[in-house]
Amino acid sequence: MHDNPVKEALRSGATTTGTWLTLGSPAVAEALAHCGFDWLVVDLEHAPNNPASAVEQLRAIDAARVRGARAGAIVRLAENDPVLAKRAMDIGAQTLIFPNVNSADEAHAAVRAMLYPQNGNGGVRGVAGLVRAGRYGLDPLYVKTANEHVATIVQIESRSGVDNAAAICAVEGVDCVFLGPSDLAASLGHLGDIRHPDVVEAMRSVVAQAREAGKAAGVFANGADDAELFISWGATFIGLHSDVRWLCQGATQETGRLAAKLRPEETIKAQALS
């Protein structure tokens, strides 16, 4: 089966949620695949991942899907590079996120990197038969049909990207335009302040332009409240933070609750010793 559920959802206009995998752990990937997310992003940009660790996480997500999970797999590249795209796709990725896309030319390059040369499509993906994506050479249809099932997500996270958003959104083959609020805030001169009015207005503008071009728009959200706001703008592809966030948030919440229960006794003990 070559179907790509992420691509199907992007094309249908359905609202989906996912999270980032930054810990490099197949076990975490498999566990989160069972937590109700529609997709999981194996991050090669800001995480200690490489193709060898990424393929193990892709296997874990696939295993979860066999057992009833719905989460599809996505890989975010370290940069907009056709070599990196080729390697990610050969290990089984069908959907890629290209970071820091600043112009229509860069968006075209991302699309071409995902396509085998076929019927004058401008594709530059190198062909290798004995790769995981093609069942190690046992799937005779893979090379002929792979182009039909890829999904290209380009990330706008700079002032230049915002200025060129209309042209980027118009590029044929781009399935989704995704916003990275933190880098965008830094590029706009508001490092660490993703809620600054300039940042919010820039994000709303890009979402509106993507929707006008008939493309899905996505945003990285810190939590459900932010996600709800972005959905109200028209975003349909919502990144609900990351594995490390959910791990640390859950741990700190419960240790905090326990500390609050223990604090009265600790206070009495401290008073007795004083």
C-alpha atoms as a PDB file:
ATOM      1  CA  MET A   1       0.000   0.000   0.000  1.00  0.00           C
ATOM      2  CA  HIS A   2       1.370   3.379  -1.011  1.00  0.00           C
ATOM      3  CA  ASP A   3      -1.456   5.571   0.254  1.00  0.00           C
ATOM      4  CA  ASN A   4      -0.384   8.623   2.247  1.00  0.00           C
ATOM      5  CA  PRO A   5      -2.976   9.534   4.913  1.00  0.00           C
ATOM      6  CA  VAL A   6      -1.280  12.860   5.629  1.00  0.00           C
ATOM      7  CA  LYS A   7      -1.557  13.924   1.986  1.00  0.00           C
ATOM      8  CA  GLU A   8      -5.181  12.796   1.826  1.00  0.00           C
ATOM      9  CA  ALA A   9      -6.049  14.859   4.913  1.00  0.00           C
ATOM     10  CA  LEU A  10      -4.242  17.945   3.578  1.00  0.00           C
ATOM     11  CA  ARG A  11      -6.068  17.723   0.263  1.00  0.00           C
ATOM     12  CA  SER A  12      -9.461  17.132   1.918  1.00  0.00           C
ATOM     13  CA  GLY A  13      -9.266  20.207   4.144  1.00  0.00           C
ATOM     14  CA  ALA A  14      -9.673  18.152   7.311  1.00  0.00           C
ATOM     15  CA  THR A  15      -8.222  19.600  10.501  1.00  0.00           C
ATOM     16  CA  THR A  16      -5.495  17.358  11.897  1.00  0.00           C
ATOM     17  CA  THR A  17      -3.128  17.491  14.841  1.00  0.00           C
ATOM     18  CA  GLY A  18       0.299  16.040  15.372  1.00  0.00           C
ATOM     19  CA  THR A  19       3.372  16.419  17.507  1.00  0.00           C
ATOM     20  CA  TRP A  20       7.139  16.593  17.086  1.00  0.00           C
ATOM     21  CA  LEU A  21       9.459  13.696  17.936  1.00  0.00           C
ATOM     22  CA  THR A  22      12.668  15.212  19.266  1.00  0.00           C
ATOM     23  CA  LEU A  23      13.969  12.561  21.673  1.00  0.00           C
ATOM     24  CA  GLY A  24      15.170  10.115  19.027  1.00  0.00           C
ATOM     25  CA  SER A  25      13.274   7.253  20.673  1.00  0.00           C
ATOM     26  CA  PRO A  26      11.333   4.588  18.727  1.00  0.00           C
ATOM     27  CA  ALA A  27       9.511   3.692  21.954  1.00  0.00           C
ATOM     28  CA  VAL A  28       8.322   7.280  22.384  1.00  0.00           C
ATOM     29  CA  ALA A  29       7.268   7.382  18.732  1.00  0.00           C
ATOM     30  CA  GLU A  30       5.265   4.185  19.085  1.00  0.00           C
ATOM     31  CA  ALA A  31       3.641   5.271  22.349  1.00  0.00           C
ATOM     32  CA  LEU A  32       2.617   8.696  21.033  1.00  0.00           C
ATOM     33  CA  ALA A  33       1.221   7.109  17.887  1.00  0.00           C
ATOM     34  CA  HIS A  34      -1.401   5.541  20.160  1.00  0.00           C
ATOM     35  CA  CYS A  35      -2.316   8.869  21.819  1.00  0.00           C
ATOM     36  CA  GLY A  36      -4.774  10.188  19.233  1.00  0.00           C
ATOM     37  CA  PHE A  37      -2.470  12.238  17.019  1.00  0.00           C
ATOM     38  CA  ASP A  38      -3.086  12.225  13.267  1.00  0.00           C
ATOM     39  CA  TRP A  39       0.619  12.464  12.461  1.00  0.00           C
ATOM     40  CA  LEU A  40       4.038  12.529  14.086  1.00  0.00           C
ATOM     41  CA  VAL A  41       7.054  14.491  12.863  1.00  0.00           C
ATOM     42  CA  VAL A  42      10.476  12.891  13.137  1.00  0.00           C
ATOM     43  CA  ASP A  43      12.597  16.011  13.471  1.00  0.00           C
ATOM     44  CA  LEU A  44      16.017  16.080  11.822  1.00  0.00           C
ATOM     45  CA  GLU A  45      16.489  19.826  12.285  1.00  0.00           C
ATOM     46  CA  HIS A  46      16.483  20.506  16.029  1.00  0.00           C
ATOM     47  CA  ALA A  47      16.800  16.986  17.426  1.00  0.00           C
ATOM     48  CA  PRO A  48      19.591  14.391  17.760  1.00  0.00           C
ATOM     49  CA  ASN A  49      18.211  12.390  14.841  1.00  0.00           C
ATOM     50  CA  ASN A  50      19.821  11.106  11.660  1.00  0.00           C
ATOM     51  CA  PRO A  51      18.564   8.705   8.973  1.00  0.00           C
ATOM     52  CA  ALA A  52      19.569   5.695  11.072  1.00  0.00           C
ATOM     53  CA  SER A  53      17.547   6.800  14.098  1.00  0.00           C
ATOM     54  CA  ALA A  54      14.737   8.205  11.946  1.00  0.00           C
ATOM     55  CA  VAL A  55      14.105   4.885  10.202  1.00  0.00           C
ATOM     56  CA  GLU A  56      13.627   3.160  13.567  1.00  0.00           C
ATOM     57  CA  GLN A  57      10.986   5.727  14.494  1.00  0.00           C
ATOM     58  CA  LEU A  58       9.266   5.271  11.141  1.00  0.00           C
ATOM     59  CA  ARG A  59       9.167   1.527  11.801  1.00  0.00           C
ATOM     60  CA  ALA A  60       7.668   2.164  15.235  1.00  0.00           C
ATOM     61  CA  ILE A  61       4.941   4.407  13.796  1.00  0.00           C
ATOM     62  CA  ASP A  62       4.161   1.833  11.106  1.00  0.00           C
ATOM     63  CA  ALA A  63       3.929  -0.860  13.781  1.00  0.00           C
ATOM     64  CA  ALA A  64       1.472   1.253  15.753  1.00  0.00           C
ATOM     65  CA  ARG A  65      -0.681   1.718  12.656  1.00  0.00           C
ATOM     66  CA  VAL A  66      -0.832  -2.059  12.201  1.00  0.00           C
ATOM     67  CA  ARG A  67      -2.207  -2.214  15.745  1.00  0.00           C
ATOM     68  CA  GLY A  68      -4.907   0.376  15.097  1.00  0.00           C
ATOM     69  CA  ALA A  69      -3.242   3.770  15.566  1.00  0.00           C
ATOM     70  CA  ARG A  70      -4.048   6.382  12.925  1.00  0.00           C
ATOM     71  CA  ALA A  71      -0.901   8.516  13.153  1.00  0.00           C
ATOM     72  CA  GLY A  72       0.985   8.925   9.894  1.00  0.00           C
ATOM     73  CA  ALA A  73       4.692   9.689   9.719  1.00  0.00           C
ATOM     74  CA  ILE A  74       6.352  12.916   8.591  1.00  0.00           C
ATOM     75  CA  VAL A  75      10.038  13.828   8.499  1.00  0.00           C
ATOM     76  CA  ARG A  76      11.312  17.377   8.889  1.00  0.00           C
ATOM     77  CA  LEU A  77      14.644  17.872   7.164  1.00  0.00           C
ATOM     78  CA  ALA A  78      17.577  19.793   8.583  1.00  0.00           C
ATOM     79  CA  GLU A  79      17.543  22.059   5.526  1.00  0.00           C
ATOM     80  CA  ASN A  80      16.073  22.395   2.052  1.00  0.00           C
ATOM     81  CA  ASP A  81      18.504  19.988   0.406  1.00  0.00           C
ATOM     82  CA  PRO A  82      17.648  17.397  -2.276  1.00  0.00           C
ATOM     83  CA  VAL A  83      20.203  14.952  -0.885  1.00  0.00           C
ATOM     84  CA  LEU A  84      18.602  15.044   2.546  1.00  0.00           C
ATOM     85  CA  ALA A  85      15.167  14.702   0.965  1.00  0.00           C
ATOM     86  CA  LYS A  86      16.267  11.675  -1.050  1.00  0.00           C
ATOM     87  CA  ARG A  87      17.653   9.926   2.010  1.00  0.00           C
ATOM     88  CA  ALA A  88      14.514  10.590   4.059  1.00  0.00           C
ATOM     89  CA  MET A  89      12.266   9.277   1.309  1.00  0.00           C
ATOM     90  CA  ASP A  90      14.389   6.194   0.696  1.00  0.00           C
ATOM     91  CA  ILE A  91      13.926   5.166   4.339  1.00  0.00           C
ATOM     92  CA  GLY A  92      10.169   5.389   3.923  1.00  0.00           C
ATOM     93  CA  ALA A  93       9.002   8.979   4.402  1.00  0.00           C
ATOM     94  CA  GLN A  94       6.256  10.133   2.035  1.00  0.00           C
ATOM     95  CA  THR A  95       5.685  13.547   3.625  1.00  0.00           C
ATOM     96  CA  LEU A  96       8.535  15.971   4.239  1.00  0.00           C
ATOM     97  CA  ILE A  97       8.721  19.359   5.920  1.00  0.00           C
ATOM     98  CA  PHE A  98      11.301  21.700   4.394  1.00  0.00           C
ATOM     99  CA  PRO A  99      12.419  24.359   6.899  1.00  0.00           C
ATOM    100  CA  ASN A 100      13.015  28.048   6.269  1.00  0.00           C
ATOM    101  CA  VAL A 101      11.610  28.375   2.760  1.00  0.00           C
ATOM    102  CA  ASN A 102      11.933  32.021   1.773  1.00  0.00           C
ATOM    103  CA  SER A 103      10.931  32.239  -1.879  1.00  0.00           C
ATOM    104  CA  ALA A 104       8.985  30.585  -4.669  1.00  0.00           C
ATOM    105  CA  ASP A 105      12.255  29.282  -6.128  1.00  0.00           C
ATOM    106  CA  GLU A 106      13.067  27.544  -2.852  1.00  0.00           C
ATOM    107  CA  ALA A 107       9.558  26.084  -2.732  1.00  0.00           C
ATOM    108  CA  HIS A 108       9.970  24.786  -6.308  1.00  0.00           C
ATOM    109  CA  ALA A 109      13.283  23.197  -5.269  1.00  0.00           C
ATOM    110  CA  ALA A 110      11.539  21.396  -2.395  1.00  0.00           C
ATOM    111  CA  VAL A 111       8.863  20.015  -4.697  1.00  0.00           C
ATOM    112  CA  ARG A 112      11.415  18.843  -7.270  1.00  0.00           C
ATOM    113  CA  ALA A 113      13.484  17.116  -4.577  1.00  0.00           C
ATOM    114  CA  MET A 114      10.554  14.836  -3.749  1.00  0.00           C
ATOM    115  CA  LEU A 115       9.818  13.704  -7.286  1.00  0.00           C
ATOM    116  CA  TYR A 116      11.382  11.065  -9.478  1.00  0.00           C
ATOM    117  CA  PRO A 117      11.937  12.505 -12.984  1.00  0.00           C
ATOM    118  CA  GLN A 118       8.769  11.614 -14.862  1.00  0.00           C
ATOM    119  CA  ASN A 119       6.857  13.186 -17.738  1.00  0.00           C
ATOM    120  CA  GLY A 120       8.840  16.417 -17.610  1.00  0.00           C
ATOM    121  CA  ASN A 121       7.917  17.176 -13.990  1.00  0.00           C
ATOM    122  CA  GLY A 122      11.346  18.590 -13.147  1.00  0.00           C
ATOM    123  CA  GLY A 123      11.933  15.980 -10.458  1.00  0.00           C
ATOM    124  CA  VAL A 124      15.487  15.412  -9.276  1.00  0.00           C
ATOM    125  CA  ARG A 125      15.072  12.566  -6.795  1.00  0.00           C
ATOM    126  CA  GLY A 126      17.676   9.894  -7.400  1.00  0.00           C
ATOM    127  CA  VAL A 127      16.424   6.380  -8.092  1.00  0.00           C
ATOM    128  CA  ALA A 128      17.527   3.433  -5.956  1.00  0.00           C
ATOM    129  CA  GLY A 129      15.663   0.144  -6.047  1.00  0.00           C
ATOM    130  CA  LEU A 130      16.798  -1.664  -2.907  1.00  0.00           C
ATOM    131  CA  VAL A 131      15.509   0.776  -0.296  1.00  0.00           C
ATOM    132  CA  ARG A 132      12.997   0.465   2.518  1.00  0.00           C
ATOM    133  CA  ALA A 133      10.491   2.703   0.747  1.00  0.00           C
ATOM    134  CA  GLY A 134      10.212   0.112  -2.044  1.00  0.00           C
ATOM    135  CA  ARG A 135      10.251  -2.889   0.281  1.00  0.00           C
ATOM    136  CA  TYR A 136      13.929  -3.432  -0.502  1.00  0.00           C
ATOM    137  CA  GLY A 137      13.242  -4.033  -4.183  1.00  0.00           C
ATOM    138  CA  LEU A 138      10.262  -6.343  -3.642  1.00  0.00           C
ATOM    139  CA  ASP A 139       7.650  -3.750  -4.651  1.00  0.00           C
ATOM    140  CA  PRO A 140       7.775  -3.430  -8.448  1.00  0.00           C
ATOM    141  CA  LEU A 141       5.229  -0.601  -8.458  1.00  0.00           C
ATOM    142  CA  TYR A 142       6.950   1.708  -5.982  1.00  0.00           C
ATOM    143  CA  VAL A 143       9.152   3.683  -8.358  1.00  0.00           C
ATOM    144  CA  LYS A 144       6.347   4.074 -10.890  1.00  0.00           C
ATOM    145  CA  THR A 145       3.762   5.319  -8.375  1.00  0.00           C
ATOM    146  CA  ALA A 146       5.792   7.038  -5.635  1.00  0.00           C
ATOM    147  CA  ASN A 147       5.293  10.534  -7.075  1.00  0.00           C
ATOM    148  CA  GLU A 148       1.523  10.228  -6.679  1.00  0.00           C
ATOM    149  CA  HIS A 149       1.725   9.821  -2.915  1.00  0.00           C
ATOM    150  CA  VAL A 150       4.279  12.375  -1.758  1.00  0.00           C
ATOM    151  CA  ALA A 151       3.286  15.465   0.223  1.00  0.00           C
ATOM    152  CA  THR A 152       5.420  18.587   0.365  1.00  0.00           C
ATOM    153  CA  ILE A 153       5.183  20.930   3.348  1.00  0.00           C
ATOM    154  CA  VAL A 154       7.197  24.139   3.256  1.00  0.00           C
ATOM    155  CA  GLN A 155       7.914  26.091   6.385  1.00  0.00           C
ATOM    156  CA  ILE A 156       7.745  29.885   6.461  1.00  0.00           C
ATOM    157  CA  GLU A 157       9.674  31.255   9.421  1.00  0.00           C
ATOM    158  CA  SER A 158      11.322  34.481   8.312  1.00  0.00           C
ATOM    159  CA  ARG A 159      10.488  38.007   7.199  1.00  0.00           C
ATOM    160  CA  SER A 160      11.465  37.063   3.633  1.00  0.00           C
ATOM    161  CA  GLY A 161       9.149  34.082   3.719  1.00  0.00           C
ATOM    162  CA  VAL A 162       6.264  36.257   4.876  1.00  0.00           C
ATOM    163  CA  ASP A 163       6.994  38.861   2.202  1.00  0.00           C
ATOM    164  CA  ASN A 164       7.002  36.127  -0.464  1.00  0.00           C
ATOM    165  CA  ALA A 165       4.147  34.089   0.987  1.00  0.00           C
ATOM    166  CA  ALA A 166       1.768  34.607  -1.932  1.00  0.00           C
ATOM    167  CA  ALA A 167       4.341  33.347  -4.434  1.00  0.00           C
ATOM    168  CA  ILE A 168       5.303  30.417  -2.213  1.00  0.00           C
ATOM    169  CA  CYS A 169       1.672  29.409  -1.755  1.00  0.00           C
ATOM    170  CA  ALA A 170       1.128  29.508  -5.510  1.00  0.00           C
ATOM    171  CA  VAL A 171       3.796  26.888  -6.235  1.00  0.00           C
ATOM    172  CA  GLU A 172       2.297  23.749  -7.739  1.00  0.00           C
ATOM    173  CA  GLY A 173       3.128  20.692  -5.691  1.00  0.00           C
ATOM    174  CA  VAL A 174       3.212  22.464  -2.332  1.00  0.00           C
ATOM    175  CA  ASP A 175       0.574  20.762  -0.203  1.00  0.00           C
ATOM    176  CA  CYS A 176       0.865  22.817   2.964  1.00  0.00           C
ATOM    177  CA  VAL A 177       2.488  26.008   4.208  1.00  0.00           C
ATOM    178  CA  PHE A 178       3.578  25.675   7.813  1.00  0.00           C
ATOM    179  CA  LEU A 179       4.495  28.474  10.216  1.00  0.00           C
ATOM    180  CA  GLY A 180       7.263  28.313  12.790  1.00  0.00           C
ATOM    181  CA  PRO A 181       6.367  31.068  15.291  1.00  0.00           C
ATOM    182  CA  SER A 182       9.652  31.099  17.239  1.00  0.00           C
ATOM    183  CA  ASP A 183      11.975  31.613  14.287  1.00  0.00           C
ATOM    184  CA  LEU A 184       9.495  33.992  12.700  1.00  0.00           C
ATOM    185  CA  ALA A 185       9.407  36.092  15.866  1.00  0.00           C
ATOM    186  CA  ALA A 186      13.208  36.231  15.897  1.00  0.00           C
ATOM    187  CA  SER A 187      13.347  37.218  12.228  1.00  0.00           C
ATOM    188  CA  LEU A 188      10.851  40.007  12.840  1.00  0.00           C
ATOM    189  CA  GLY A 189      12.951  41.370  15.696  1.00  0.00           C
ATOM    190  CA  HIS A 190      10.925  39.934  18.568  1.00  0.00           C
ATOM    191  CA  LEU A 191      13.039  37.029  19.792  1.00  0.00           C
ATOM    192  CA  GLY A 192      11.134  34.980  22.368  1.00  0.00           C
ATOM    193  CA  ASP A 193       7.874  36.896  21.905  1.00  0.00           C
ATOM    194  CA  ILE A 194       5.661  34.845  19.619  1.00  0.00           C
ATOM    195  CA  ARG A 195       2.603  36.786  20.799  1.00  0.00           C
ATOM    196  CA  HIS A 196       3.903  40.160  19.666  1.00  0.00           C
ATOM    197  CA  PRO A 197       1.288  41.861  17.432  1.00  0.00           C
ATOM    198  CA  ASP A 198       3.728  41.947  14.492  1.00  0.00           C
ATOM    199  CA  VAL A 199       4.253  38.187  14.733  1.00  0.00           C
ATOM    200  CA  VAL A 200       0.554  37.425  15.116  1.00  0.00           C
ATOM    201  CA  GLU A 201      -0.337  39.627  12.146  1.00  0.00           C
ATOM    202  CA  ALA A 202       2.341  38.014   9.976  1.00  0.00           C
ATOM    203  CA  MET A 203       1.075  34.525  10.814  1.00  0.00           C
ATOM    204  CA  ARG A 204      -2.541  35.449  10.152  1.00  0.00           C
ATOM    205  CA  SER A 205      -1.539  36.940   6.831  1.00  0.00           C
ATOM    206  CA  VAL A 206       0.281  33.781   5.725  1.00  0.00           C
ATOM    207  CA  VAL A 207      -2.616  31.549   6.777  1.00  0.00           C
ATOM    208  CA  ALA A 208      -5.025  33.735   4.794  1.00  0.00           C
ATOM    209  CA  GLN A 209      -2.800  33.669   1.703  1.00  0.00           C
ATOM    210  CA  ALA A 210      -2.413  29.913   1.874  1.00  0.00           C
ATOM    211  CA  ARG A 211      -6.157  29.430   2.112  1.00  0.00           C
ATOM    212  CA  GLU A 212      -6.726  31.840  -0.777  1.00  0.00           C
ATOM    213  CA  ALA A 213      -4.321  29.769  -2.886  1.00  0.00           C
ATOM    214  CA  GLY A 214      -6.185  26.590  -1.992  1.00  0.00           C
ATOM    215  CA  LYS A 215      -3.347  25.243   0.144  1.00  0.00           C
ATOM    216  CA  ALA A 216      -3.508  23.887   3.666  1.00  0.00           C
ATOM    217  CA  ALA A 217      -2.011  26.107   6.356  1.00  0.00           C
ATOM    218  CA  GLY A 218      -0.332  24.831   9.485  1.00  0.00           C
ATOM    219  CA  VAL A 219       1.050  26.330  12.681  1.00  0.00           C
ATOM    220  CA  PHE A 220       3.173  25.012  15.546  1.00  0.00           C
ATOM    221  CA  ALA A 221       1.072  25.461  18.720  1.00  0.00           C
ATOM    222  CA  ASN A 222       2.202  25.463  22.343  1.00  0.00           C
ATOM    223  CA  GLY A 223      -1.061  23.914  23.495  1.00  0.00           C
ATOM    224  CA  ALA A 224      -4.757  23.434  22.845  1.00  0.00           C
ATOM    225  CA  ASP A 225      -5.653  27.101  23.454  1.00  0.00           C
ATOM    226  CA  ASP A 226      -3.174  28.306  20.841  1.00  0.00           C
ATOM    227  CA  ALA A 227      -4.345  25.568  18.485  1.00  0.00           C
ATOM    228  CA  GLU A 228      -7.941  26.714  18.830  1.00  0.00           C
ATOM    229  CA  LEU A 229      -6.903  30.265  17.906  1.00  0.00           C
ATOM    230  CA  PHE A 230      -4.990  29.120  14.828  1.00  0.00           C
ATOM    231  CA  ILE A 231      -7.900  26.957  13.701  1.00  0.00           C
ATOM    232  CA  SER A 232     -10.172  30.008  13.965  1.00  0.00           C
ATOM    233  CA  TRP A 233      -7.864  31.705  11.431  1.00  0.00           C
ATOM    234  CA  GLY A 234      -8.285  28.830   8.991  1.00  0.00           C
ATOM    235  CA  ALA A 235      -5.262  26.675   9.837  1.00  0.00           C
ATOM    236  CA  THR A 236      -5.948  22.961   9.503  1.00  0.00           C
ATOM    237  CA  PHE A 237      -2.546  21.368  10.159  1.00  0.00           C
ATOM    238  CA  ILE A 238      -1.755  21.873  13.832  1.00  0.00           C
ATOM    239  CA  GLY A 239       1.543  20.886  15.415  1.00  0.00           C
ATOM    240  CA  LEU A 240       0.767  20.352  19.083  1.00  0.00           C
ATOM    241  CA  HIS A 241       4.252  20.871  20.503  1.00  0.00           C
ATOM    242  CA  SER A 242       6.595  17.923  21.118  1.00  0.00           C
ATOM    243  CA  ASP A 243       7.386  14.706  22.914  1.00  0.00           C
ATOM    244  CA  VAL A 244       9.814  16.395  25.288  1.00  0.00           C
ATOM    245  CA  ARG A 245       7.188  19.017  26.172  1.00  0.00           C
ATOM    246  CA  TRP A 246       4.607  16.386  27.081  1.00  0.00           C
ATOM    247  CA  LEU A 247       7.144  14.390  29.080  1.00  0.00           C
ATOM    248  CA  CYS A 248       8.407  17.370  31.065  1.00  0.00           C
ATOM    249  CA  GLN A 249       4.978  18.941  31.472  1.00  0.00           C
ATOM    250  CA  GLY A 250       3.457  15.758  32.842  1.00  0.00           C
ATOM    251  CA  ALA A 251       6.383  15.180  35.190  1.00  0.00           C
ATOM    252  CA  THR A 252       6.467  18.726  36.566  1.00  0.00           C
ATOM    253  CA  GLN A 253       2.694  18.812  37.059  1.00  0.00           C
ATOM    254  CA  GLU A 254       2.681  15.645  39.130  1.00  0.00           C
ATOM    255  CA  THR A 255       5.820  16.456  41.140  1.00  0.00           C
ATOM    256  CA  GLY A 256       4.291  19.865  41.839  1.00  0.00           C
ATOM    257  CA  ARG A 257       1.048  18.320  43.030  1.00  0.00           C
ATOM    258  CA  LEU A 258       2.923  15.947  45.305  1.00  0.00           C
ATOM    259  CA  ALA A 259       5.101  18.739  46.685  1.00  0.00           C
ATOM    260  CA  ALA A 260       1.972  20.741  47.529  1.00  0.00           C
ATOM    261  CA  LYS A 261       0.590  17.799  49.507  1.00  0.00           C
ATOM    262  CA  LEU A 262       3.873  17.324  51.353  1.00  0.00           C
ATOM    263  CA  ARG A 263       4.578  20.982  52.027  1.00  0.00           C
ATOM    264  CA  PRO A 264       2.472  21.340  55.227  1.00  0.00           C
ATOM    265  CA  GLU A 265       4.406  18.542  56.927  1.00  0.00           C
ATOM    266  CA  GLU A 266       7.708  19.978  55.769  1.00  0.00           C
ATOM    267  CA  THR A 267       6.702  23.377  57.138  1.00  0.00           C
ATOM    268  CA  ILE A 268       5.836  21.947  60.560  1.00  0.00           C
ATOM    269  CA  LYS A 269       9.144  20.039  60.663  1.00  0.00           C
ATOM    270  CA  ALA A 270      11.097  23.140  59.749  1.00  0.00           C
ATOM    271  CA  GLN A 271       9.384  25.158  62.472  1.00  0.00           C
ATOM    272  CA  ALA A 272      10.152  22.489  65.080  1.00  0.00           C
ATOM    273  CA  LEU A 273      13.847  22.541  64.209  1.00  0.00           C
ATOM    274  CA  SER A 274      14.125  26.336  64.331  1.00  0.00           C
END
